[in-house]
Amino acid sequence: MTWVEAIVLGIVQGLTEFLPVSSSGHLRITSAIFFGRDAGASFTAVTQLGTEAAVLIYFFKDIWRIVRTWCLGLVDRSVRSSLDYRMGWYVIVGTIPIGILGLLFKDQIRTAGRNLYLISFTLIFFALVLAFAEYWGRQTRTLENFRMRDGVAMGLGQAMALIPGVSRSGGTLTVGLFLNLTRETAARYSFLLAIPAVVISGLFSLPDVFEPSAPGTAAPSVAQMVVATLIAFAIGYAAIAWLLRYVAHHTLYVFVLYRVALGTLVLCLLLTGTISAT
């Protein structure tokens, strides 16, 4: 991997991780168009450690309060009715689907799941699903109305993002809107829900990122991996604040239009032989 490649992909990861446009899909597409190869699923997973570090810092007070209350609630029944205690369980249970499916389909995610025809299709199809959710959802429910069934449903939405092009934030936001949650509520839970899955996935992928098994995959050096992850962290931190402000006052249709346009562009490049699907 070249330094330009590592820096560009770090920027792309930071810009797209929290938007409902699929960061893994963008890394795959960027690699194919500009560098003629695939950075690999492990590279994506490790750079996500940078963006999740941004989440940990941005929501540190909320996360610390939830963790502390959850631990206290294990021995003190008086706090078990609090939102923070329940949110701890919502995040734990909501993480189970992506954990199970990620282990079961690990090999497919790293190979067939990175086919650009599949990514272009999922970009377009799930954009339309997101548009329908935005139109249909009443957006009347906040975190105070959040229940375990909401956490499980959004956990399943997150699990769909194991397929590049679906988008982890897009999947969770879509399900949240169908559950009549406000966009800001769905986004906040989405940030919290991502922490265990992304951190575990990133750490699990560390041994593979420097010696990728997939043919044609670019291998970064340790220094390149560190720089790409730090860039993703810095840009991702700014993206969190922007997205929370944006979803509080705007619809998600701009992301729908962008996804459809990008998916269509990738299809055109594939059909004309400009880029390869694998």
C-alpha atoms as a PDB file:
ATOM      1  CA  MET A   1       0.000   0.000   0.000  1.00  0.00           C
ATOM      2  CA  THR A   2       1.248   3.484  -0.843  1.00  0.00           C
ATOM      3  CA  TRP A   3       1.124   6.417   1.554  1.00  0.00           C
ATOM      4  CA  VAL A   4      -1.341   8.243  -0.705  1.00  0.00           C
ATOM      5  CA  GLU A   5      -3.614   5.213  -0.610  1.00  0.00           C
ATOM      6  CA  ALA A   6      -3.463   4.971   3.186  1.00  0.00           C
ATOM      7  CA  ILE A   7      -4.182   8.684   3.672  1.00  0.00           C
ATOM      8  CA  VAL A   8      -7.030   8.811   1.152  1.00  0.00           C
ATOM      9  CA  LEU A   9      -8.700   5.732   2.611  1.00  0.00           C
ATOM     10  CA  GLY A  10      -8.327   7.118   6.145  1.00  0.00           C
ATOM     11  CA  ILE A  11     -10.087  10.297   5.035  1.00  0.00           C
ATOM     12  CA  VAL A  12     -12.860   8.322   3.329  1.00  0.00           C
ATOM     13  CA  GLN A  13     -13.361   6.179   6.434  1.00  0.00           C
ATOM     14  CA  GLY A  14     -13.640   9.224   8.693  1.00  0.00           C
ATOM     15  CA  LEU A  15     -16.061  11.004   6.362  1.00  0.00           C
ATOM     16  CA  THR A  16     -18.400   8.083   5.752  1.00  0.00           C
ATOM     17  CA  GLU A  17     -18.419   5.909   8.891  1.00  0.00           C
ATOM     18  CA  PHE A  18     -21.288   7.706  10.604  1.00  0.00           C
ATOM     19  CA  LEU A  19     -23.267   8.691   7.520  1.00  0.00           C
ATOM     20  CA  PRO A  20     -25.880   6.251   6.148  1.00  0.00           C
ATOM     21  CA  VAL A  21     -23.837   5.671   2.994  1.00  0.00           C
ATOM     22  CA  SER A  22     -21.633   2.651   3.925  1.00  0.00           C
ATOM     23  CA  SER A  23     -18.011   3.352   4.824  1.00  0.00           C
ATOM     24  CA  SER A  24     -16.960  -0.187   3.883  1.00  0.00           C
ATOM     25  CA  GLY A  25     -18.618   0.236   0.493  1.00  0.00           C
ATOM     26  CA  HIS A  26     -16.866   3.564  -0.021  1.00  0.00           C
ATOM     27  CA  LEU A  27     -13.463   2.136   0.876  1.00  0.00           C
ATOM     28  CA  ARG A  28     -13.994  -0.713  -1.568  1.00  0.00           C
ATOM     29  CA  ILE A  29     -15.162   1.632  -4.352  1.00  0.00           C
ATOM     30  CA  THR A  30     -12.406   4.192  -3.726  1.00  0.00           C
ATOM     31  CA  SER A  31      -9.764   1.463  -3.815  1.00  0.00           C
ATOM     32  CA  ALA A  32     -11.119   0.066  -7.079  1.00  0.00           C
ATOM     33  CA  ILE A  33     -11.485   3.392  -8.922  1.00  0.00           C
ATOM     34  CA  PHE A  34      -8.325   5.189  -7.829  1.00  0.00           C
ATOM     35  CA  PHE A  35      -5.911   2.411  -6.915  1.00  0.00           C
ATOM     36  CA  GLY A  36      -7.061  -0.561  -8.977  1.00  0.00           C
ATOM     37  CA  ARG A  37      -7.182  -2.990  -6.056  1.00  0.00           C
ATOM     38  CA  ASP A  38      -8.920  -3.750  -2.771  1.00  0.00           C
ATOM     39  CA  ALA A  39      -7.617  -2.518   0.585  1.00  0.00           C
ATOM     40  CA  GLY A  40      -9.422  -5.469   2.156  1.00  0.00           C
ATOM     41  CA  ALA A  41     -12.036  -6.031   4.843  1.00  0.00           C
ATOM     42  CA  SER A  42      -9.401  -6.120   7.587  1.00  0.00           C
ATOM     43  CA  PHE A  43      -8.147  -2.639   6.664  1.00  0.00           C
ATOM     44  CA  THR A  44     -11.718  -1.347   6.921  1.00  0.00           C
ATOM     45  CA  ALA A  45     -12.244  -3.008  10.299  1.00  0.00           C
ATOM     46  CA  VAL A  46      -9.021  -1.628  11.772  1.00  0.00           C
ATOM     47  CA  THR A  47      -9.547   1.963  10.568  1.00  0.00           C
ATOM     48  CA  GLN A  48     -12.965   1.790  12.204  1.00  0.00           C
ATOM     49  CA  LEU A  49     -11.128   1.635  15.512  1.00  0.00           C
ATOM     50  CA  GLY A  50     -10.246   5.263  14.884  1.00  0.00           C
ATOM     51  CA  THR A  51     -13.819   6.332  14.300  1.00  0.00           C
ATOM     52  CA  GLU A  52     -15.026   4.353  17.299  1.00  0.00           C
ATOM     53  CA  ALA A  53     -12.388   6.053  19.445  1.00  0.00           C
ATOM     54  CA  ALA A  54     -14.048   9.285  18.346  1.00  0.00           C
ATOM     55  CA  VAL A  55     -17.391   7.924  19.576  1.00  0.00           C
ATOM     56  CA  LEU A  56     -15.884   6.943  22.922  1.00  0.00           C
ATOM     57  CA  ILE A  57     -14.504  10.438  23.443  1.00  0.00           C
ATOM     58  CA  TYR A  58     -17.534  12.327  22.124  1.00  0.00           C
ATOM     59  CA  PHE A  59     -20.008  10.325  24.228  1.00  0.00           C
ATOM     60  CA  PHE A  60     -17.642   9.641  27.125  1.00  0.00           C
ATOM     61  CA  LYS A  61     -19.958  11.055  29.815  1.00  0.00           C
ATOM     62  CA  ASP A  62     -22.949   9.116  28.490  1.00  0.00           C
ATOM     63  CA  ILE A  63     -20.958   5.903  28.096  1.00  0.00           C
ATOM     64  CA  TRP A  64     -19.410   6.157  31.567  1.00  0.00           C
ATOM     65  CA  ARG A  65     -22.813   6.826  33.129  1.00  0.00           C
ATOM     66  CA  ILE A  66     -24.384   3.853  31.334  1.00  0.00           C
ATOM     67  CA  VAL A  67     -21.532   1.479  32.227  1.00  0.00           C
ATOM     68  CA  ARG A  68     -21.464   2.594  35.856  1.00  0.00           C
ATOM     69  CA  THR A  69     -25.245   2.333  36.239  1.00  0.00           C
ATOM     70  CA  TRP A  70     -25.353  -1.062  34.518  1.00  0.00           C
ATOM     71  CA  CYS A  71     -22.662  -2.464  36.814  1.00  0.00           C
ATOM     72  CA  LEU A  72     -24.426  -1.007  39.857  1.00  0.00           C
ATOM     73  CA  GLY A  73     -27.740  -2.439  38.703  1.00  0.00           C
ATOM     74  CA  LEU A  74     -26.347  -5.955  38.755  1.00  0.00           C
ATOM     75  CA  VAL A  75     -26.330  -5.777  42.562  1.00  0.00           C
ATOM     76  CA  ASP A  76     -28.766  -2.933  43.312  1.00  0.00           C
ATOM     77  CA  ARG A  77     -32.357  -3.455  42.155  1.00  0.00           C
ATOM     78  CA  SER A  78     -33.293   0.163  42.848  1.00  0.00           C
ATOM     79  CA  VAL A  79     -31.486   1.398  39.722  1.00  0.00           C
ATOM     80  CA  ARG A  80     -32.790  -1.254  37.325  1.00  0.00           C
ATOM     81  CA  SER A  81     -35.696   0.874  36.215  1.00  0.00           C
ATOM     82  CA  SER A  82     -33.397   3.695  35.075  1.00  0.00           C
ATOM     83  CA  LEU A  83     -32.832   4.373  31.383  1.00  0.00           C
ATOM     84  CA  ASP A  84     -29.052   4.072  31.730  1.00  0.00           C
ATOM     85  CA  TYR A  85     -29.280   0.570  33.216  1.00  0.00           C
ATOM     86  CA  ARG A  86     -31.703  -0.543  30.536  1.00  0.00           C
ATOM     87  CA  MET A  87     -29.581   1.064  27.812  1.00  0.00           C
ATOM     88  CA  GLY A  88     -26.634  -1.046  28.919  1.00  0.00           C
ATOM     89  CA  TRP A  89     -28.680  -4.185  28.283  1.00  0.00           C
ATOM     90  CA  TYR A  90     -30.062  -2.803  25.012  1.00  0.00           C
ATOM     91  CA  VAL A  91     -26.535  -2.347  23.671  1.00  0.00           C
ATOM     92  CA  ILE A  92     -25.382  -5.781  24.870  1.00  0.00           C
ATOM     93  CA  VAL A  93     -28.368  -7.648  23.426  1.00  0.00           C
ATOM     94  CA  GLY A  94     -28.417  -5.533  20.262  1.00  0.00           C
ATOM     95  CA  THR A  95     -24.797  -6.507  19.580  1.00  0.00           C
ATOM     96  CA  ILE A  96     -25.526 -10.252  19.561  1.00  0.00           C
ATOM     97  CA  PRO A  97     -26.893 -10.499  15.967  1.00  0.00           C
ATOM     98  CA  ILE A  98     -23.845  -8.932  14.295  1.00  0.00           C
ATOM     99  CA  GLY A  99     -21.528 -10.983  16.512  1.00  0.00           C
ATOM    100  CA  ILE A 100     -23.122 -14.293  15.560  1.00  0.00           C
ATOM    101  CA  LEU A 101     -23.534 -13.517  11.854  1.00  0.00           C
ATOM    102  CA  GLY A 102     -20.060 -12.008  11.632  1.00  0.00           C
ATOM    103  CA  LEU A 103     -18.501 -15.223  12.905  1.00  0.00           C
ATOM    104  CA  LEU A 104     -20.693 -17.473  10.750  1.00  0.00           C
ATOM    105  CA  PHE A 105     -20.062 -15.589   7.502  1.00  0.00           C
ATOM    106  CA  LYS A 106     -16.544 -14.255   8.136  1.00  0.00           C
ATOM    107  CA  ASP A 107     -15.053 -15.812   4.999  1.00  0.00           C
ATOM    108  CA  GLN A 108     -17.914 -14.716   2.721  1.00  0.00           C
ATOM    109  CA  ILE A 109     -17.713 -11.149   4.053  1.00  0.00           C
ATOM    110  CA  ARG A 110     -14.031 -10.964   3.147  1.00  0.00           C
ATOM    111  CA  THR A 111     -14.439 -12.468  -0.330  1.00  0.00           C
ATOM    112  CA  ALA A 112     -17.783 -12.632  -2.149  1.00  0.00           C
ATOM    113  CA  GLY A 113     -19.244  -9.823  -0.027  1.00  0.00           C
ATOM    114  CA  ARG A 114     -16.780  -7.352  -1.562  1.00  0.00           C
ATOM    115  CA  ASN A 115     -17.998  -7.863  -5.121  1.00  0.00           C
ATOM    116  CA  LEU A 116     -18.741  -4.437  -6.588  1.00  0.00           C
ATOM    117  CA  TYR A 117     -21.924  -5.611  -8.337  1.00  0.00           C
ATOM    118  CA  LEU A 118     -23.269  -6.613  -4.931  1.00  0.00           C
ATOM    119  CA  ILE A 119     -22.158  -3.317  -3.372  1.00  0.00           C
ATOM    120  CA  SER A 120     -23.773  -1.213  -6.103  1.00  0.00           C
ATOM    121  CA  PHE A 121     -27.023  -3.154  -5.715  1.00  0.00           C
ATOM    122  CA  THR A 122     -27.110  -2.804  -1.927  1.00  0.00           C
ATOM    123  CA  LEU A 123     -26.322   0.917  -2.164  1.00  0.00           C
ATOM    124  CA  ILE A 124     -29.345   1.474  -4.387  1.00  0.00           C
ATOM    125  CA  PHE A 125     -31.781  -0.995  -2.839  1.00  0.00           C
ATOM    126  CA  PHE A 126     -31.225  -0.012   0.777  1.00  0.00           C
ATOM    127  CA  ALA A 127     -31.319   3.657  -0.204  1.00  0.00           C
ATOM    128  CA  LEU A 128     -34.883   3.077  -1.362  1.00  0.00           C
ATOM    129  CA  VAL A 129     -35.699   1.253   1.881  1.00  0.00           C
ATOM    130  CA  LEU A 130     -34.272   4.210   3.841  1.00  0.00           C
ATOM    131  CA  ALA A 131     -36.393   6.612   1.773  1.00  0.00           C
ATOM    132  CA  PHE A 132     -39.522   4.626   2.578  1.00  0.00           C
ATOM    133  CA  ALA A 133     -38.645   4.575   6.284  1.00  0.00           C
ATOM    134  CA  GLU A 134     -38.095   8.351   6.244  1.00  0.00           C
ATOM    135  CA  TYR A 135     -41.474   8.845   4.573  1.00  0.00           C
ATOM    136  CA  TRP A 136     -43.407   6.328   6.675  1.00  0.00           C
ATOM    137  CA  GLY A 137     -41.924   6.795  10.150  1.00  0.00           C
ATOM    138  CA  ARG A 138     -43.850   9.137  12.465  1.00  0.00           C
ATOM    139  CA  GLN A 139     -40.745  10.019  14.533  1.00  0.00           C
ATOM    140  CA  THR A 140     -42.659  10.467  17.783  1.00  0.00           C
ATOM    141  CA  ARG A 141     -40.551   8.289  20.100  1.00  0.00           C
ATOM    142  CA  THR A 142     -37.419   9.347  22.015  1.00  0.00           C
ATOM    143  CA  LEU A 143     -34.867   7.477  24.150  1.00  0.00           C
ATOM    144  CA  GLU A 144     -37.272   7.615  27.107  1.00  0.00           C
ATOM    145  CA  ASN A 145     -39.638   5.407  25.068  1.00  0.00           C
ATOM    146  CA  PHE A 146     -36.897   3.003  23.958  1.00  0.00           C
ATOM    147  CA  ARG A 147     -37.532  -0.680  24.699  1.00  0.00           C
ATOM    148  CA  MET A 148     -35.655  -3.969  24.378  1.00  0.00           C
ATOM    149  CA  ARG A 149     -37.517  -4.880  21.194  1.00  0.00           C
ATOM    150  CA  ASP A 150     -36.220  -1.651  19.647  1.00  0.00           C
ATOM    151  CA  GLY A 151     -32.657  -2.566  20.607  1.00  0.00           C
ATOM    152  CA  VAL A 152     -32.976  -6.047  19.112  1.00  0.00           C
ATOM    153  CA  ALA A 153     -34.555  -4.762  15.902  1.00  0.00           C
ATOM    154  CA  MET A 154     -31.871  -2.125  15.432  1.00  0.00           C
ATOM    155  CA  GLY A 155     -29.244  -4.758  16.245  1.00  0.00           C
ATOM    156  CA  LEU A 156     -30.569  -6.798  13.325  1.00  0.00           C
ATOM    157  CA  GLY A 157     -30.387  -3.659  11.194  1.00  0.00           C
ATOM    158  CA  GLN A 158     -26.755  -3.230  12.187  1.00  0.00           C
ATOM    159  CA  ALA A 159     -26.025  -6.858  11.307  1.00  0.00           C
ATOM    160  CA  MET A 160     -27.131  -6.256   7.711  1.00  0.00           C
ATOM    161  CA  ALA A 161     -24.135  -3.919   7.367  1.00  0.00           C
ATOM    162  CA  LEU A 162     -21.844  -6.953   7.296  1.00  0.00           C
ATOM    163  CA  ILE A 163     -22.557  -6.663   3.563  1.00  0.00           C
ATOM    164  CA  PRO A 164     -20.612  -3.657   2.221  1.00  0.00           C
ATOM    165  CA  GLY A 165     -22.981  -1.125   0.707  1.00  0.00           C
ATOM    166  CA  VAL A 166     -25.766  -1.600   3.249  1.00  0.00           C
ATOM    167  CA  SER A 167     -24.282   0.804   5.856  1.00  0.00           C
ATOM    168  CA  ARG A 168     -24.269   0.157   9.583  1.00  0.00           C
ATOM    169  CA  SER A 169     -25.658   3.583  10.433  1.00  0.00           C
ATOM    170  CA  GLY A 170     -28.031   3.358   7.472  1.00  0.00           C
ATOM    171  CA  GLY A 171     -29.382   0.009   8.630  1.00  0.00           C
ATOM    172  CA  THR A 172     -29.912   1.126  12.207  1.00  0.00           C
ATOM    173  CA  LEU A 173     -31.417   4.489  11.202  1.00  0.00           C
ATOM    174  CA  THR A 174     -33.779   2.757   8.787  1.00  0.00           C
ATOM    175  CA  VAL A 175     -35.038   0.343  11.435  1.00  0.00           C
ATOM    176  CA  GLY A 176     -35.269   3.157  13.981  1.00  0.00           C
ATOM    177  CA  LEU A 177     -37.455   5.213  11.659  1.00  0.00           C
ATOM    178  CA  PHE A 178     -39.716   2.218  11.018  1.00  0.00           C
ATOM    179  CA  LEU A 179     -40.056   1.984  14.828  1.00  0.00           C
ATOM    180  CA  ASN A 180     -41.190   5.635  14.857  1.00  0.00           C
ATOM    181  CA  LEU A 181     -38.093   6.820  16.701  1.00  0.00           C
ATOM    182  CA  THR A 182     -36.864  10.331  16.010  1.00  0.00           C
ATOM    183  CA  ARG A 183     -33.846  10.536  13.735  1.00  0.00           C
ATOM    184  CA  GLU A 184     -31.679  11.902  16.568  1.00  0.00           C
ATOM    185  CA  THR A 185     -32.742   9.108  18.930  1.00  0.00           C
ATOM    186  CA  ALA A 186     -31.991   6.444  16.331  1.00  0.00           C
ATOM    187  CA  ALA A 187     -28.615   8.053  15.581  1.00  0.00           C
ATOM    188  CA  ARG A 188     -27.587   8.230  19.249  1.00  0.00           C
ATOM    189  CA  TYR A 189     -28.429   4.585  19.873  1.00  0.00           C
ATOM    190  CA  SER A 190     -26.679   3.677  16.625  1.00  0.00           C
ATOM    191  CA  PHE A 191     -23.464   5.289  17.890  1.00  0.00           C
ATOM    192  CA  LEU A 192     -23.638   3.392  21.185  1.00  0.00           C
ATOM    193  CA  LEU A 193     -24.597   0.103  19.553  1.00  0.00           C
ATOM    194  CA  ALA A 194     -21.605   0.205  17.215  1.00  0.00           C
ATOM    195  CA  ILE A 195     -18.975   0.391  19.959  1.00  0.00           C
ATOM    196  CA  PRO A 196     -18.749  -3.293  21.044  1.00  0.00           C
ATOM    197  CA  ALA A 197     -19.094  -4.754  17.546  1.00  0.00           C
ATOM    198  CA  VAL A 198     -16.679  -2.410  15.801  1.00  0.00           C
ATOM    199  CA  VAL A 199     -14.028  -2.504  18.519  1.00  0.00           C
ATOM    200  CA  ILE A 200     -14.084  -6.309  18.715  1.00  0.00           C
ATOM    201  CA  SER A 201     -14.041  -6.615  14.909  1.00  0.00           C
ATOM    202  CA  GLY A 202     -11.144  -4.189  14.604  1.00  0.00           C
ATOM    203  CA  LEU A 203      -9.047  -5.919  17.238  1.00  0.00           C
ATOM    204  CA  PHE A 204      -9.885  -9.320  15.765  1.00  0.00           C
ATOM    205  CA  SER A 205      -8.737  -8.136  12.314  1.00  0.00           C
ATOM    206  CA  LEU A 206      -5.403  -6.673  13.440  1.00  0.00           C
ATOM    207  CA  PRO A 207      -3.362  -9.847  12.733  1.00  0.00           C
ATOM    208  CA  ASP A 208      -4.818 -10.110   9.205  1.00  0.00           C
ATOM    209  CA  VAL A 209      -4.447  -6.510   8.051  1.00  0.00           C
ATOM    210  CA  PHE A 210      -0.677  -6.727   7.553  1.00  0.00           C
ATOM    211  CA  GLU A 211      -0.793 -10.134   5.864  1.00  0.00           C
ATOM    212  CA  PRO A 212      -4.072 -10.236   3.914  1.00  0.00           C
ATOM    213  CA  SER A 213      -5.018 -13.628   2.513  1.00  0.00           C
ATOM    214  CA  ALA A 214      -7.251 -12.361  -0.314  1.00  0.00           C
ATOM    215  CA  PRO A 215      -5.399 -12.081  -3.669  1.00  0.00           C
ATOM    216  CA  GLY A 216      -4.827  -8.539  -4.933  1.00  0.00           C
ATOM    217  CA  THR A 217      -5.336  -6.990  -1.509  1.00  0.00           C
ATOM    218  CA  ALA A 218      -3.059  -4.098  -0.579  1.00  0.00           C
ATOM    219  CA  ALA A 219      -1.116  -4.612   2.649  1.00  0.00           C
ATOM    220  CA  PRO A 220      -0.294  -1.482   4.690  1.00  0.00           C
ATOM    221  CA  SER A 221       2.733  -1.032   6.887  1.00  0.00           C
ATOM    222  CA  VAL A 222       2.270  -0.492  10.613  1.00  0.00           C
ATOM    223  CA  ALA A 223       2.981   3.233  10.179  1.00  0.00           C
ATOM    224  CA  GLN A 224       0.458   3.555   7.336  1.00  0.00           C
ATOM    225  CA  MET A 225      -2.171   1.740   9.371  1.00  0.00           C
ATOM    226  CA  VAL A 226      -1.600   4.029  12.357  1.00  0.00           C
ATOM    227  CA  VAL A 227      -1.796   7.193  10.233  1.00  0.00           C
ATOM    228  CA  ALA A 228      -4.949   6.043   8.414  1.00  0.00           C
ATOM    229  CA  THR A 229      -6.616   5.223  11.730  1.00  0.00           C
ATOM    230  CA  LEU A 230      -5.651   8.584  13.275  1.00  0.00           C
ATOM    231  CA  ILE A 231      -7.007  10.440  10.247  1.00  0.00           C
ATOM    232  CA  ALA A 232     -10.251   8.470  10.493  1.00  0.00           C
ATOM    233  CA  PHE A 233     -10.450   9.397  14.182  1.00  0.00           C
ATOM    234  CA  ALA A 234      -9.996  13.140  13.623  1.00  0.00           C
ATOM    235  CA  ILE A 235     -12.442  13.426  10.751  1.00  0.00           C
ATOM    236  CA  GLY A 236     -14.890  11.005  12.364  1.00  0.00           C
ATOM    237  CA  TYR A 237     -15.033  13.110  15.537  1.00  0.00           C
ATOM    238  CA  ALA A 238     -16.120  16.154  13.533  1.00  0.00           C
ATOM    239  CA  ALA A 239     -18.602  14.029  11.567  1.00  0.00           C
ATOM    240  CA  ILE A 240     -20.399  12.899  14.749  1.00  0.00           C
ATOM    241  CA  ALA A 241     -21.267  16.440  15.822  1.00  0.00           C
ATOM    242  CA  TRP A 242     -22.299  17.389  12.297  1.00  0.00           C
ATOM    243  CA  LEU A 243     -24.563  14.366  11.823  1.00  0.00           C
ATOM    244  CA  LEU A 244     -26.384  14.824  15.144  1.00  0.00           C
ATOM    245  CA  ARG A 245     -27.116  18.452  14.270  1.00  0.00           C
ATOM    246  CA  TYR A 246     -28.137  17.533  10.746  1.00  0.00           C
ATOM    247  CA  VAL A 247     -30.590  14.736  11.565  1.00  0.00           C
ATOM    248  CA  ALA A 248     -32.273  16.902  14.204  1.00  0.00           C
ATOM    249  CA  HIS A 249     -33.446  19.339  11.540  1.00  0.00           C
ATOM    250  CA  HIS A 250     -33.259  17.624   8.137  1.00  0.00           C
ATOM    251  CA  THR A 251     -34.557  14.528   6.389  1.00  0.00           C
ATOM    252  CA  LEU A 252     -32.284  11.756   5.128  1.00  0.00           C
ATOM    253  CA  TYR A 253     -33.344  12.062   1.488  1.00  0.00           C
ATOM    254  CA  VAL A 254     -30.042  13.684   0.470  1.00  0.00           C
ATOM    255  CA  PHE A 255     -28.258  10.481   1.468  1.00  0.00           C
ATOM    256  CA  VAL A 256     -30.809   8.440  -0.468  1.00  0.00           C
ATOM    257  CA  LEU A 257     -30.123  10.423  -3.643  1.00  0.00           C
ATOM    258  CA  TYR A 258     -26.370  10.184  -3.107  1.00  0.00           C
ATOM    259  CA  ARG A 259     -26.474   6.407  -2.610  1.00  0.00           C
ATOM    260  CA  VAL A 260     -28.561   5.860  -5.737  1.00  0.00           C
ATOM    261  CA  ALA A 261     -26.231   8.094  -7.775  1.00  0.00           C
ATOM    262  CA  LEU A 262     -23.104   6.344  -6.480  1.00  0.00           C
ATOM    263  CA  GLY A 263     -24.547   2.872  -6.979  1.00  0.00           C
ATOM    264  CA  THR A 264     -25.555   3.766 -10.536  1.00  0.00           C
ATOM    265  CA  LEU A 265     -22.098   5.198 -11.268  1.00  0.00           C
ATOM    266  CA  VAL A 266     -20.397   2.027 -10.027  1.00  0.00           C
ATOM    267  CA  LEU A 267     -22.704  -0.116 -12.173  1.00  0.00           C
ATOM    268  CA  CYS A 268     -21.846   1.962 -15.232  1.00  0.00           C
ATOM    269  CA  LEU A 269     -18.119   1.635 -14.545  1.00  0.00           C
ATOM    270  CA  LEU A 270     -18.512  -2.122 -14.140  1.00  0.00           C
ATOM    271  CA  LEU A 271     -20.574  -2.590 -17.296  1.00  0.00           C
ATOM    272  CA  THR A 272     -18.124  -0.559 -19.368  1.00  0.00           C
ATOM    273  CA  GLY A 273     -15.171  -2.535 -18.024  1.00  0.00           C
ATOM    274  CA  THR A 274     -13.597   0.548 -16.417  1.00  0.00           C
ATOM    275  CA  ILE A 275     -13.248  -1.261 -13.102  1.00  0.00           C
ATOM    276  CA  SER A 276     -13.352  -4.914 -12.112  1.00  0.00           C
ATOM    277  CA  ALA A 277     -16.021  -6.357  -9.829  1.00  0.00           C
ATOM    278  CA  THR A 278     -13.495  -8.383  -7.805  1.00  0.00           C
END
